Amino acid sequence: MSQALEVVVQQVHLPAGMAGPGEISFDVRSFVLPVTDGIVLIDTGLAGNVEDIARGLENVGAGWSDVSDVVLTHSHPDHVGGLEDVLSRTTGVAVWAGDGEAAAMGVGGEIQRASDGQLIRGLRVVSTPGHTQGHISLLLENEGLMFVGDAVGAMDGTMVRPPAPFTADPAEAERSLWKIATMSPDRMAFSHGGELQDPGSLLRALLSGSAAGS
């Protein structure tokens, strides 16, 4: 992972029946990314996460006044729940999300649309719908690092799809995974799970397994 990149991690516990027959525990990751003229926050985590983000800023020698942009991969509450707290501590910050995500959050006027191929502070927007209608991933081109949101996750040293109950359009989500695989990023930063070695091979293995079983 980039030395300058700070990862903010929260732990989440879901009761039995919400995402499967048993209880589920997982981490939620947002990212503090220093850029040439500011700080980009990628997702804001759950509500109540603001002090964790503040510590992340401190760890890269920054503060709330340095935050220039917030880019949201999608509108699920474990990714945008902290947005209100972040905005209450910052001024003049540009907030970005994919098509349709602002409406899902109910704050459309405050959020700018991040379009496929658009460049935001060195991050190339990659439209990866399926998990939600307007889900986006972000490619830090100068490092070959892709922030994949919930397009795919990491668990026990391999890649996993998000739980089906939380994916709006599984077929579209699968097409987005093939899109990411075709782009072959050198590294991936997951919203759920730590960094994996050789993510391209792991993603192709995940997709090949689904193709073989179809």
N, C-alpha and C. Protein backbone atom coordinates (compact mmCIF):
# COMPACT_ATOMS: atom_id res chain seq x y z
N MET A 1 0.85 -1.18 0.00
CA MET A 1 0.00 0.00 0.00
C MET A 1 0.89 1.24 0.00
N SER A 2 0.45 2.29 -0.67
CA SER A 2 1.24 3.51 -0.75
C SER A 2 1.58 4.02 0.64
N GLN A 3 2.84 4.48 0.83
CA GLN A 3 3.27 4.95 2.14
C GLN A 3 2.44 6.15 2.59
N ALA A 4 2.03 7.00 1.65
CA ALA A 4 1.29 8.21 2.00
C ALA A 4 -0.17 7.93 2.28
N LEU A 5 -0.68 6.81 1.86
CA LEU A 5 -2.09 6.49 2.00
C LEU A 5 -2.38 6.00 3.40
N GLU A 6 -3.40 6.58 4.04
CA GLU A 6 -3.81 6.15 5.37
C GLU A 6 -5.15 5.42 5.27
N VAL A 7 -5.21 4.25 5.87
CA VAL A 7 -6.42 3.43 5.84
C VAL A 7 -7.13 3.56 7.19
N VAL A 8 -8.41 3.91 7.15
CA VAL A 8 -9.23 4.04 8.36
C VAL A 8 -10.15 2.83 8.42
N VAL A 9 -10.05 2.06 9.50
CA VAL A 9 -10.76 0.79 9.59
C VAL A 9 -11.77 0.82 10.74
N GLN A 10 -13.00 0.40 10.46
CA GLN A 10 -14.02 0.17 11.47
C GLN A 10 -14.43 -1.30 11.45
N GLN A 11 -14.93 -1.78 12.57
CA GLN A 11 -15.45 -3.15 12.65
C GLN A 11 -16.97 -3.11 12.72
N VAL A 12 -17.61 -4.00 11.96
CA VAL A 12 -19.07 -4.06 11.88
C VAL A 12 -19.52 -5.47 12.22
N HIS A 13 -20.62 -5.57 12.95
CA HIS A 13 -21.19 -6.87 13.31
C HIS A 13 -22.65 -6.89 12.88
N LEU A 14 -23.02 -7.86 12.06
CA LEU A 14 -24.39 -8.02 11.60
C LEU A 14 -25.02 -9.23 12.27
N PRO A 15 -26.24 -9.07 12.77
CA PRO A 15 -26.91 -10.21 13.42
C PRO A 15 -27.30 -11.28 12.42
N ALA A 16 -27.54 -12.46 12.92
CA ALA A 16 -27.97 -13.58 12.08
C ALA A 16 -29.23 -13.20 11.31
N GLY A 17 -29.24 -13.59 10.04
CA GLY A 17 -30.40 -13.34 9.20
C GLY A 17 -30.30 -12.11 8.34
N MET A 18 -29.38 -11.18 8.65
CA MET A 18 -29.29 -9.96 7.87
C MET A 18 -28.55 -10.20 6.56
N ALA A 19 -27.48 -10.98 6.59
CA ALA A 19 -26.71 -11.25 5.37
C ALA A 19 -26.42 -12.73 5.22
N GLY A 20 -27.06 -13.56 6.00
CA GLY A 20 -26.84 -14.99 5.95
C GLY A 20 -27.41 -15.63 7.20
N PRO A 21 -27.29 -16.93 7.33
CA PRO A 21 -27.91 -17.62 8.46
C PRO A 21 -27.26 -17.32 9.81
N GLY A 22 -25.98 -16.96 9.80
CA GLY A 22 -25.27 -16.71 11.05
C GLY A 22 -24.85 -15.27 11.20
N GLU A 23 -24.28 -14.94 12.36
CA GLU A 23 -23.73 -13.60 12.57
C GLU A 23 -22.52 -13.40 11.66
N ILE A 24 -22.34 -12.16 11.23
CA ILE A 24 -21.22 -11.82 10.36
C ILE A 24 -20.49 -10.61 10.94
N SER A 25 -19.18 -10.70 10.98
CA SER A 25 -18.34 -9.57 11.38
C SER A 25 -17.39 -9.25 10.23
N PHE A 26 -17.20 -7.97 9.96
CA PHE A 26 -16.30 -7.58 8.88
C PHE A 26 -15.80 -6.17 9.14
N ASP A 27 -14.75 -5.81 8.40
CA ASP A 27 -14.22 -4.46 8.53
C ASP A 27 -14.73 -3.57 7.40
N VAL A 28 -14.76 -2.28 7.67
CA VAL A 28 -15.12 -1.27 6.67
C VAL A 28 -13.95 -0.30 6.59
N ARG A 29 -13.46 -0.07 5.38
CA ARG A 29 -12.28 0.76 5.21
C ARG A 29 -12.60 2.00 4.37
N SER A 30 -12.17 3.14 4.87
CA SER A 30 -12.15 4.36 4.09
C SER A 30 -10.69 4.81 4.01
N PHE A 31 -10.42 5.77 3.14
CA PHE A 31 -9.02 6.07 2.81
C PHE A 31 -8.76 7.57 2.82
N VAL A 32 -7.62 7.93 3.40
CA VAL A 32 -7.14 9.31 3.42
C VAL A 32 -5.98 9.37 2.45
N LEU A 33 -6.18 10.06 1.33
CA LEU A 33 -5.19 10.08 0.26
C LEU A 33 -4.63 11.49 0.05
N PRO A 34 -3.37 11.74 0.43
CA PRO A 34 -2.76 13.03 0.13
C PRO A 34 -2.52 13.19 -1.37
N VAL A 35 -2.90 14.35 -1.89
CA VAL A 35 -2.64 14.68 -3.29
C VAL A 35 -1.85 15.99 -3.32
N THR A 36 -1.54 16.46 -4.51
CA THR A 36 -0.64 17.61 -4.64
C THR A 36 -1.13 18.82 -3.86
N ASP A 37 -2.42 19.09 -3.93
CA ASP A 37 -2.94 20.32 -3.33
C ASP A 37 -4.07 20.06 -2.35
N GLY A 38 -3.99 18.97 -1.61
CA GLY A 38 -5.03 18.71 -0.62
C GLY A 38 -5.07 17.25 -0.20
N ILE A 39 -6.21 16.89 0.35
CA ILE A 39 -6.47 15.52 0.80
C ILE A 39 -7.78 15.06 0.18
N VAL A 40 -7.78 13.86 -0.38
CA VAL A 40 -9.00 13.24 -0.86
C VAL A 40 -9.40 12.15 0.14
N LEU A 41 -10.65 12.20 0.59
CA LEU A 41 -11.22 11.11 1.37
C LEU A 41 -12.00 10.21 0.43
N ILE A 42 -11.70 8.94 0.45
CA ILE A 42 -12.45 7.96 -0.33
C ILE A 42 -13.35 7.20 0.63
N ASP A 43 -14.64 7.48 0.54
CA ASP A 43 -15.67 7.00 1.47
C ASP A 43 -15.46 7.59 2.86
N THR A 44 -16.53 7.56 3.66
CA THR A 44 -16.47 8.17 4.99
C THR A 44 -16.86 7.20 6.10
N GLY A 45 -17.07 5.94 5.76
CA GLY A 45 -17.39 4.95 6.78
C GLY A 45 -18.76 5.14 7.39
N LEU A 46 -18.99 4.44 8.47
CA LEU A 46 -20.25 4.53 9.19
C LEU A 46 -20.33 5.83 9.98
N ALA A 47 -21.55 6.22 10.32
CA ALA A 47 -21.73 7.34 11.23
C ALA A 47 -20.99 7.06 12.53
N GLY A 48 -20.40 8.11 13.10
CA GLY A 48 -19.61 7.94 14.31
C GLY A 48 -18.15 7.65 14.04
N ASN A 49 -17.75 7.73 12.77
CA ASN A 49 -16.40 7.40 12.34
C ASN A 49 -15.48 8.61 12.31
N VAL A 50 -15.99 9.79 12.64
CA VAL A 50 -15.27 11.01 12.32
C VAL A 50 -13.95 11.12 13.09
N GLU A 51 -13.89 10.64 14.32
CA GLU A 51 -12.64 10.73 15.07
C GLU A 51 -11.58 9.80 14.48
N ASP A 52 -12.00 8.67 13.95
CA ASP A 52 -11.06 7.78 13.27
C ASP A 52 -10.48 8.46 12.03
N ILE A 53 -11.33 9.17 11.29
CA ILE A 53 -10.84 9.89 10.12
C ILE A 53 -9.90 11.01 10.54
N ALA A 54 -10.24 11.70 11.63
CA ALA A 54 -9.36 12.76 12.14
C ALA A 54 -7.98 12.22 12.46
N ARG A 55 -7.91 11.05 13.08
CA ARG A 55 -6.61 10.44 13.36
C ARG A 55 -5.89 10.06 12.07
N GLY A 56 -6.65 9.61 11.08
CA GLY A 56 -6.04 9.31 9.79
C GLY A 56 -5.42 10.54 9.16
N LEU A 57 -6.11 11.66 9.26
CA LEU A 57 -5.56 12.92 8.75
C LEU A 57 -4.28 13.29 9.50
N GLU A 58 -4.31 13.17 10.81
CA GLU A 58 -3.12 13.49 11.61
C GLU A 58 -1.94 12.61 11.22
N ASN A 59 -2.21 11.37 10.91
CA ASN A 59 -1.14 10.43 10.58
C ASN A 59 -0.42 10.77 9.28
N VAL A 60 -1.07 11.56 8.43
CA VAL A 60 -0.40 12.01 7.19
C VAL A 60 -0.03 13.48 7.29
N GLY A 61 -0.05 14.03 8.51
CA GLY A 61 0.35 15.41 8.72
C GLY A 61 -0.64 16.43 8.22
N ALA A 62 -1.92 16.08 8.24
CA ALA A 62 -2.96 16.96 7.70
C ALA A 62 -4.07 17.15 8.74
N GLY A 63 -5.00 18.05 8.41
CA GLY A 63 -6.16 18.31 9.24
C GLY A 63 -7.38 18.50 8.38
N TRP A 64 -8.50 18.81 9.01
CA TRP A 64 -9.75 18.96 8.26
C TRP A 64 -9.65 20.05 7.20
N SER A 65 -8.90 21.10 7.46
CA SER A 65 -8.80 22.20 6.50
C SER A 65 -8.09 21.79 5.22
N ASP A 66 -7.39 20.67 5.24
CA ASP A 66 -6.67 20.20 4.05
C ASP A 66 -7.54 19.35 3.13
N VAL A 67 -8.71 18.94 3.61
CA VAL A 67 -9.56 18.07 2.79
C VAL A 67 -10.16 18.87 1.65
N SER A 68 -9.87 18.44 0.43
CA SER A 68 -10.36 19.15 -0.76
C SER A 68 -11.53 18.43 -1.42
N ASP A 69 -11.54 17.10 -1.32
CA ASP A 69 -12.56 16.31 -2.02
C ASP A 69 -12.93 15.09 -1.19
N VAL A 70 -14.20 14.70 -1.30
CA VAL A 70 -14.69 13.43 -0.77
C VAL A 70 -15.28 12.67 -1.95
N VAL A 71 -14.76 11.49 -2.23
CA VAL A 71 -15.29 10.68 -3.32
C VAL A 71 -15.92 9.43 -2.71
N LEU A 72 -17.19 9.22 -3.03
CA LEU A 72 -17.97 8.13 -2.45
C LEU A 72 -18.14 7.02 -3.49
N THR A 73 -17.73 5.81 -3.15
CA THR A 73 -17.85 4.73 -4.12
C THR A 73 -19.31 4.34 -4.36
N HIS A 74 -20.14 4.47 -3.33
CA HIS A 74 -21.57 4.19 -3.48
C HIS A 74 -22.30 4.62 -2.21
N SER A 75 -23.61 4.46 -2.23
CA SER A 75 -24.46 5.11 -1.24
C SER A 75 -24.81 4.26 -0.02
N HIS A 76 -24.24 3.09 0.14
CA HIS A 76 -24.56 2.27 1.31
C HIS A 76 -24.05 2.94 2.60
N PRO A 77 -24.77 2.78 3.70
CA PRO A 77 -24.45 3.55 4.92
C PRO A 77 -23.08 3.27 5.51
N ASP A 78 -22.50 2.11 5.25
CA ASP A 78 -21.15 1.86 5.77
C ASP A 78 -20.08 2.58 4.96
N HIS A 79 -20.49 3.27 3.91
CA HIS A 79 -19.55 4.04 3.09
C HIS A 79 -19.82 5.54 3.14
N VAL A 80 -21.05 5.92 3.44
CA VAL A 80 -21.41 7.35 3.43
C VAL A 80 -21.94 7.83 4.78
N GLY A 81 -22.02 6.94 5.77
CA GLY A 81 -22.63 7.32 7.04
C GLY A 81 -21.92 8.46 7.74
N GLY A 82 -20.61 8.59 7.53
CA GLY A 82 -19.86 9.65 8.17
C GLY A 82 -19.83 10.96 7.41
N LEU A 83 -20.53 11.03 6.27
CA LEU A 83 -20.43 12.22 5.41
C LEU A 83 -20.88 13.48 6.13
N GLU A 84 -22.00 13.43 6.80
CA GLU A 84 -22.51 14.63 7.47
C GLU A 84 -21.51 15.18 8.48
N ASP A 85 -20.90 14.28 9.25
CA ASP A 85 -19.90 14.72 10.23
C ASP A 85 -18.68 15.31 9.54
N VAL A 86 -18.25 14.71 8.44
CA VAL A 86 -17.11 15.24 7.70
C VAL A 86 -17.41 16.64 7.18
N LEU A 87 -18.59 16.81 6.59
CA LEU A 87 -18.94 18.12 6.03
C LEU A 87 -19.08 19.18 7.10
N SER A 88 -19.46 18.78 8.30
CA SER A 88 -19.59 19.75 9.39
C SER A 88 -18.23 20.26 9.87
N ARG A 89 -17.17 19.57 9.50
CA ARG A 89 -15.82 19.94 9.94
C ARG A 89 -14.97 20.51 8.82
N THR A 90 -15.51 20.60 7.63
CA THR A 90 -14.76 21.08 6.47
C THR A 90 -15.51 22.20 5.78
N THR A 91 -14.81 22.94 4.93
CA THR A 91 -15.45 24.00 4.14
C THR A 91 -14.96 23.91 2.70
N GLY A 92 -15.87 24.17 1.77
CA GLY A 92 -15.50 24.21 0.36
C GLY A 92 -15.09 22.89 -0.22
N VAL A 93 -15.53 21.80 0.38
CA VAL A 93 -15.13 20.47 -0.09
C VAL A 93 -16.05 20.03 -1.23
N ALA A 94 -15.46 19.49 -2.29
CA ALA A 94 -16.24 18.90 -3.39
C ALA A 94 -16.54 17.45 -3.04
N VAL A 95 -17.82 17.08 -3.13
CA VAL A 95 -18.25 15.71 -2.85
C VAL A 95 -18.70 15.08 -4.16
N TRP A 96 -18.19 13.89 -4.44
CA TRP A 96 -18.43 13.22 -5.72
C TRP A 96 -19.04 11.84 -5.48
N ALA A 97 -19.93 11.44 -6.39
CA ALA A 97 -20.49 10.09 -6.37
C ALA A 97 -20.98 9.74 -7.76
N GLY A 98 -21.18 8.47 -8.02
CA GLY A 98 -21.62 8.01 -9.33
C GLY A 98 -23.07 8.34 -9.60
N ASP A 99 -23.48 8.10 -10.83
CA ASP A 99 -24.83 8.43 -11.29
C ASP A 99 -25.88 7.70 -10.45
N GLY A 100 -26.82 8.46 -9.91
CA GLY A 100 -27.91 7.88 -9.14
C GLY A 100 -27.63 7.72 -7.66
N GLU A 101 -26.38 7.82 -7.26
CA GLU A 101 -26.04 7.60 -5.85
C GLU A 101 -26.46 8.78 -4.97
N ALA A 102 -26.36 10.00 -5.50
CA ALA A 102 -26.76 11.16 -4.70
C ALA A 102 -28.23 11.09 -4.32
N ALA A 103 -29.06 10.69 -5.28
CA ALA A 103 -30.49 10.57 -5.00
C ALA A 103 -30.75 9.53 -3.92
N ALA A 104 -29.99 8.44 -3.96
CA ALA A 104 -30.15 7.40 -2.95
C ALA A 104 -29.78 7.89 -1.56
N MET A 105 -28.88 8.87 -1.51
CA MET A 105 -28.48 9.43 -0.22
C MET A 105 -29.39 10.56 0.23
N GLY A 106 -30.21 11.09 -0.70
CA GLY A 106 -31.12 12.16 -0.36
C GLY A 106 -30.46 13.51 -0.20
N VAL A 107 -29.26 13.68 -0.78
CA VAL A 107 -28.56 14.96 -0.67
C VAL A 107 -28.03 15.37 -2.04
N GLY A 108 -28.85 15.22 -3.06
CA GLY A 108 -28.41 15.39 -4.43
C GLY A 108 -27.77 16.72 -4.74
N GLY A 109 -28.28 17.81 -4.15
CA GLY A 109 -27.75 19.13 -4.46
C GLY A 109 -26.34 19.35 -3.98
N GLU A 110 -25.88 18.55 -3.02
CA GLU A 110 -24.56 18.74 -2.45
C GLU A 110 -23.50 17.86 -3.11
N ILE A 111 -23.91 16.98 -4.00
CA ILE A 111 -22.99 15.98 -4.53
C ILE A 111 -22.85 16.13 -6.04
N GLN A 112 -21.61 16.15 -6.51
CA GLN A 112 -21.34 16.25 -7.93
C GLN A 112 -21.22 14.85 -8.53
N ARG A 113 -21.65 14.75 -9.78
CA ARG A 113 -21.62 13.46 -10.44
C ARG A 113 -20.21 13.13 -10.91
N ALA A 114 -19.75 11.94 -10.56
CA ALA A 114 -18.46 11.43 -11.01
C ALA A 114 -18.72 10.50 -12.19
N SER A 115 -18.26 10.89 -13.37
CA SER A 115 -18.56 10.15 -14.60
C SER A 115 -17.41 9.24 -14.98
N ASP A 116 -17.74 8.16 -15.66
CA ASP A 116 -16.73 7.20 -16.09
C ASP A 116 -15.64 7.89 -16.90
N GLY A 117 -14.40 7.68 -16.52
CA GLY A 117 -13.26 8.26 -17.21
C GLY A 117 -12.83 9.61 -16.69
N GLN A 118 -13.64 10.23 -15.85
CA GLN A 118 -13.31 11.54 -15.30
C GLN A 118 -12.10 11.44 -14.38
N LEU A 119 -11.30 12.50 -14.36
CA LEU A 119 -10.12 12.55 -13.50
C LEU A 119 -10.39 13.50 -12.34
N ILE A 120 -10.30 13.00 -11.11
CA ILE A 120 -10.50 13.80 -9.91
C ILE A 120 -9.24 13.71 -9.07
N ARG A 121 -8.46 14.77 -9.05
CA ARG A 121 -7.24 14.83 -8.23
C ARG A 121 -6.33 13.62 -8.45
N GLY A 122 -6.16 13.25 -9.70
CA GLY A 122 -5.29 12.12 -10.03
C GLY A 122 -5.96 10.77 -9.96
N LEU A 123 -7.23 10.73 -9.58
CA LEU A 123 -8.00 9.48 -9.52
C LEU A 123 -8.89 9.38 -10.74
N ARG A 124 -8.73 8.32 -11.51
CA ARG A 124 -9.57 8.09 -12.68
C ARG A 124 -10.84 7.34 -12.25
N VAL A 125 -12.00 7.92 -12.55
CA VAL A 125 -13.27 7.29 -12.19
C VAL A 125 -13.53 6.12 -13.13
N VAL A 126 -13.87 4.98 -12.55
CA VAL A 126 -14.21 3.78 -13.32
C VAL A 126 -15.61 3.36 -12.90
N SER A 127 -16.54 3.46 -13.82
CA SER A 127 -17.92 3.07 -13.52
C SER A 127 -18.00 1.56 -13.35
N THR A 128 -18.43 1.11 -12.18
CA THR A 128 -18.53 -0.33 -11.89
C THR A 128 -19.88 -0.62 -11.23
N PRO A 129 -20.97 -0.41 -11.96
CA PRO A 129 -22.30 -0.60 -11.38
C PRO A 129 -22.61 -2.07 -11.11
N GLY A 130 -23.64 -2.27 -10.34
CA GLY A 130 -24.10 -3.62 -10.03
C GLY A 130 -24.36 -3.78 -8.55
N HIS A 131 -23.34 -3.54 -7.75
CA HIS A 131 -23.55 -3.56 -6.30
C HIS A 131 -24.60 -2.51 -5.94
N THR A 132 -24.45 -1.32 -6.52
CA THR A 132 -25.51 -0.31 -6.57
C THR A 132 -25.55 0.23 -7.99
N GLN A 133 -26.57 1.00 -8.29
CA GLN A 133 -26.75 1.51 -9.66
C GLN A 133 -25.56 2.33 -10.13
N GLY A 134 -25.03 3.19 -9.27
CA GLY A 134 -23.97 4.10 -9.68
C GLY A 134 -22.64 3.83 -9.02
N HIS A 135 -22.40 2.61 -8.59
CA HIS A 135 -21.13 2.27 -7.93
C HIS A 135 -19.95 2.64 -8.81
N ILE A 136 -18.93 3.25 -8.21
CA ILE A 136 -17.71 3.58 -8.95
C ILE A 136 -16.49 3.00 -8.22
N SER A 137 -15.47 2.74 -9.01
CA SER A 137 -14.14 2.45 -8.49
C SER A 137 -13.24 3.60 -8.91
N LEU A 138 -12.05 3.65 -8.35
CA LEU A 138 -11.14 4.78 -8.59
C LEU A 138 -9.74 4.25 -8.81
N LEU A 139 -9.13 4.66 -9.92
CA LEU A 139 -7.78 4.21 -10.25
C LEU A 139 -6.79 5.35 -10.04
N LEU A 140 -5.87 5.16 -9.10
CA LEU A 140 -4.77 6.10 -8.91
C LEU A 140 -3.71 5.75 -9.94
N GLU A 141 -3.75 6.47 -11.05
CA GLU A 141 -3.02 6.03 -12.24
C GLU A 141 -1.52 5.99 -12.04
N ASN A 142 -0.98 6.95 -11.29
CA ASN A 142 0.48 6.99 -11.18
C ASN A 142 1.04 5.86 -10.31
N GLU A 143 0.16 5.12 -9.62
CA GLU A 143 0.60 3.99 -8.81
C GLU A 143 -0.03 2.67 -9.22
N GLY A 144 -0.94 2.70 -10.20
CA GLY A 144 -1.61 1.47 -10.61
C GLY A 144 -2.46 0.87 -9.52
N LEU A 145 -2.97 1.72 -8.63
CA LEU A 145 -3.75 1.28 -7.47
C LEU A 145 -5.22 1.59 -7.69
N MET A 146 -6.08 0.58 -7.63
CA MET A 146 -7.51 0.78 -7.81
C MET A 146 -8.24 0.58 -6.49
N PHE A 147 -9.03 1.58 -6.13
CA PHE A 147 -9.94 1.48 -4.99
C PHE A 147 -11.24 0.92 -5.53
N VAL A 148 -11.58 -0.29 -5.12
CA VAL A 148 -12.67 -1.02 -5.78
C VAL A 148 -14.00 -0.93 -5.04
N GLY A 149 -14.05 -0.20 -3.92
CA GLY A 149 -15.32 -0.10 -3.20
C GLY A 149 -15.84 -1.47 -2.83
N ASP A 150 -17.12 -1.70 -3.15
CA ASP A 150 -17.72 -3.00 -2.89
C ASP A 150 -17.92 -3.80 -4.18
N ALA A 151 -17.16 -3.48 -5.22
CA ALA A 151 -17.23 -4.31 -6.42
C ALA A 151 -16.75 -5.72 -6.11
N VAL A 152 -15.76 -5.81 -5.22
CA VAL A 152 -15.23 -7.10 -4.78
C VAL A 152 -14.56 -6.87 -3.44
N GLY A 153 -14.47 -7.92 -2.63
CA GLY A 153 -13.86 -7.81 -1.32
C GLY A 153 -12.73 -8.81 -1.15
N ALA A 154 -12.04 -8.69 -0.02
CA ALA A 154 -10.93 -9.59 0.30
C ALA A 154 -11.24 -10.31 1.61
N MET A 155 -11.01 -11.62 1.62
CA MET A 155 -11.25 -12.41 2.84
C MET A 155 -10.38 -13.66 2.80
N ASP A 156 -9.67 -13.91 3.89
CA ASP A 156 -8.87 -15.13 4.04
C ASP A 156 -7.92 -15.34 2.86
N GLY A 157 -7.29 -14.25 2.43
CA GLY A 157 -6.27 -14.35 1.41
C GLY A 157 -6.76 -14.48 -0.01
N THR A 158 -8.05 -14.32 -0.23
CA THR A 158 -8.58 -14.41 -1.58
C THR A 158 -9.66 -13.36 -1.78
N MET A 159 -10.25 -13.34 -2.97
CA MET A 159 -11.30 -12.37 -3.28
C MET A 159 -12.66 -13.00 -3.19
N VAL A 160 -13.62 -12.19 -2.75
CA VAL A 160 -15.00 -12.67 -2.61
C VAL A 160 -15.95 -11.60 -3.14
N ARG A 161 -17.08 -12.07 -3.63
CA ARG A 161 -18.13 -11.14 -4.02
C ARG A 161 -18.86 -10.65 -2.77
N PRO A 162 -19.43 -9.45 -2.83
CA PRO A 162 -20.24 -8.98 -1.70
C PRO A 162 -21.44 -9.90 -1.49
N PRO A 163 -21.99 -9.97 -0.27
CA PRO A 163 -23.18 -10.79 -0.03
C PRO A 163 -24.31 -10.42 -0.98
N ALA A 164 -24.95 -11.43 -1.53
CA ALA A 164 -26.02 -11.21 -2.51
C ALA A 164 -27.12 -10.28 -2.03
N PRO A 165 -27.53 -10.33 -0.75
CA PRO A 165 -28.62 -9.44 -0.34
C PRO A 165 -28.31 -7.95 -0.49
N PHE A 166 -27.02 -7.61 -0.57
CA PHE A 166 -26.64 -6.20 -0.66
C PHE A 166 -26.28 -5.78 -2.08
N THR A 167 -26.44 -6.65 -3.06
CA THR A 167 -26.09 -6.33 -4.44
C THR A 167 -27.36 -6.16 -5.26
N ALA A 168 -27.50 -4.96 -5.85
CA ALA A 168 -28.74 -4.62 -6.55
C ALA A 168 -28.93 -5.42 -7.82
N ASP A 169 -27.85 -5.60 -8.61
CA ASP A 169 -27.95 -6.25 -9.91
C ASP A 169 -26.74 -7.17 -10.08
N PRO A 170 -26.86 -8.44 -9.70
CA PRO A 170 -25.71 -9.35 -9.75
C PRO A 170 -25.10 -9.49 -11.14
N ALA A 171 -25.92 -9.50 -12.19
CA ALA A 171 -25.38 -9.64 -13.54
C ALA A 171 -24.53 -8.43 -13.91
N GLU A 172 -25.01 -7.25 -13.56
CA GLU A 172 -24.25 -6.02 -13.83
C GLU A 172 -22.98 -6.00 -12.99
N ALA A 173 -23.08 -6.45 -11.76
CA ALA A 173 -21.90 -6.50 -10.89
C ALA A 173 -20.83 -7.42 -11.48
N GLU A 174 -21.26 -8.53 -12.08
CA GLU A 174 -20.31 -9.46 -12.69
C GLU A 174 -19.63 -8.82 -13.90
N ARG A 175 -20.38 -8.07 -14.69
CA ARG A 175 -19.77 -7.37 -15.83
C ARG A 175 -18.74 -6.36 -15.34
N SER A 176 -19.02 -5.72 -14.22
CA SER A 176 -18.07 -4.76 -13.67
C SER A 176 -16.79 -5.44 -13.21
N LEU A 177 -16.91 -6.64 -12.66
CA LEU A 177 -15.71 -7.38 -12.27
C LEU A 177 -14.85 -7.72 -13.48
N TRP A 178 -15.48 -8.10 -14.57
CA TRP A 178 -14.73 -8.36 -15.80
C TRP A 178 -14.05 -7.09 -16.30
N LYS A 179 -14.72 -5.96 -16.14
CA LYS A 179 -14.13 -4.68 -16.55
C LYS A 179 -12.87 -4.40 -15.74
N ILE A 180 -12.95 -4.59 -14.43
CA ILE A 180 -11.78 -4.38 -13.58
C ILE A 180 -10.66 -5.34 -13.98
N ALA A 181 -11.00 -6.60 -14.21
CA ALA A 181 -9.99 -7.59 -14.60
C ALA A 181 -9.30 -7.20 -15.90
N THR A 182 -10.07 -6.67 -16.84
CA THR A 182 -9.50 -6.24 -18.12
C THR A 182 -8.53 -5.09 -17.94
N MET A 183 -8.81 -4.20 -16.98
CA MET A 183 -7.93 -3.06 -16.74
C MET A 183 -6.63 -3.48 -16.05
N SER A 184 -6.63 -4.62 -15.38
CA SER A 184 -5.43 -5.21 -14.76
C SER A 184 -4.65 -4.24 -13.86
N PRO A 185 -5.30 -3.66 -12.85
CA PRO A 185 -4.55 -2.80 -11.94
C PRO A 185 -3.48 -3.60 -11.20
N ASP A 186 -2.36 -2.94 -10.90
CA ASP A 186 -1.27 -3.63 -10.20
C ASP A 186 -1.67 -3.99 -8.77
N ARG A 187 -2.46 -3.12 -8.15
CA ARG A 187 -2.86 -3.32 -6.76
C ARG A 187 -4.31 -2.90 -6.60
N MET A 188 -4.96 -3.41 -5.58
CA MET A 188 -6.34 -3.04 -5.27
C MET A 188 -6.46 -2.73 -3.79
N ALA A 189 -7.23 -1.70 -3.50
CA ALA A 189 -7.57 -1.35 -2.12
C ALA A 189 -9.05 -1.66 -1.93
N PHE A 190 -9.34 -2.53 -1.00
CA PHE A 190 -10.71 -3.02 -0.79
C PHE A 190 -11.38 -2.26 0.34
N SER A 191 -12.67 -2.04 0.20
CA SER A 191 -13.43 -1.45 1.31
C SER A 191 -13.65 -2.46 2.42
N HIS A 192 -13.59 -3.73 2.08
CA HIS A 192 -13.73 -4.80 3.07
C HIS A 192 -12.59 -5.78 2.86
N GLY A 193 -11.61 -5.75 3.75
CA GLY A 193 -10.47 -6.64 3.65
C GLY A 193 -9.19 -5.92 3.28
N GLY A 194 -8.07 -6.50 3.70
CA GLY A 194 -6.78 -5.89 3.45
C GLY A 194 -6.24 -6.18 2.06
N GLU A 195 -5.09 -5.59 1.77
CA GLU A 195 -4.48 -5.73 0.45
C GLU A 195 -4.06 -7.17 0.21
N LEU A 196 -4.19 -7.61 -1.04
CA LEU A 196 -3.81 -8.96 -1.45
C LEU A 196 -2.68 -8.90 -2.46
N GLN A 197 -1.81 -9.89 -2.42
CA GLN A 197 -0.76 -10.00 -3.42
C GLN A 197 -1.34 -10.52 -4.74
N ASP A 198 -0.85 -9.98 -5.84
CA ASP A 198 -1.25 -10.40 -7.18
C ASP A 198 -2.78 -10.40 -7.34
N PRO A 199 -3.42 -9.25 -7.13
CA PRO A 199 -4.88 -9.21 -7.18
C PRO A 199 -5.46 -9.54 -8.54
N GLY A 200 -4.72 -9.23 -9.61
CA GLY A 200 -5.23 -9.55 -10.94
C GLY A 200 -5.47 -11.04 -11.12
N SER A 201 -4.51 -11.84 -10.67
CA SER A 201 -4.66 -13.30 -10.79
C SER A 201 -5.80 -13.81 -9.92
N LEU A 202 -5.93 -13.24 -8.73
CA LEU A 202 -7.01 -13.66 -7.84
C LEU A 202 -8.38 -13.31 -8.40
N LEU A 203 -8.48 -12.14 -9.02
CA LEU A 203 -9.76 -11.76 -9.61
C LEU A 203 -10.09 -12.64 -10.80
N ARG A 204 -9.09 -12.91 -11.63
CA ARG A 204 -9.35 -13.79 -12.78
C ARG A 204 -9.75 -15.19 -12.31
N ALA A 205 -9.15 -15.66 -11.22
CA ALA A 205 -9.51 -16.97 -10.68
C ALA A 205 -10.95 -16.97 -10.18
N LEU A 206 -11.36 -15.88 -9.54
CA LEU A 206 -12.74 -15.76 -9.07
C LEU A 206 -13.70 -15.81 -10.25
N LEU A 207 -13.38 -15.07 -11.29
CA LEU A 207 -14.25 -15.02 -12.46
C LEU A 207 -14.23 -16.33 -13.23
N SER A 208 -13.07 -16.96 -13.33
CA SER A 208 -12.99 -18.24 -14.04
C SER A 208 -13.80 -19.30 -13.33
N GLY A 209 -13.80 -19.26 -12.00
CA GLY A 209 -14.59 -20.21 -11.24
C GLY A 209 -16.06 -20.06 -11.49
N SER A 210 -16.53 -18.81 -11.59
CA SER A 210 -17.95 -18.59 -11.85
C SER A 210 -18.30 -18.98 -13.27
N ALA A 211 -17.36 -18.75 -14.22
CA ALA A 211 -17.63 -19.12 -15.60
C ALA A 211 -17.69 -20.63 -15.75
N ALA A 212 -16.79 -21.32 -15.02
CA ALA A 212 -16.76 -22.79 -15.12
C ALA A 212 -18.02 -23.40 -14.55
N GLY A 213 -18.59 -22.72 -13.56
CA GLY A 213 -19.79 -23.27 -12.94
C GLY A 213 -21.07 -22.87 -13.61
N SER A 214 -20.97 -22.02 -14.64
CA SER A 214 -22.19 -21.54 -15.29
C SER A 214 -22.64 -22.50 -16.39
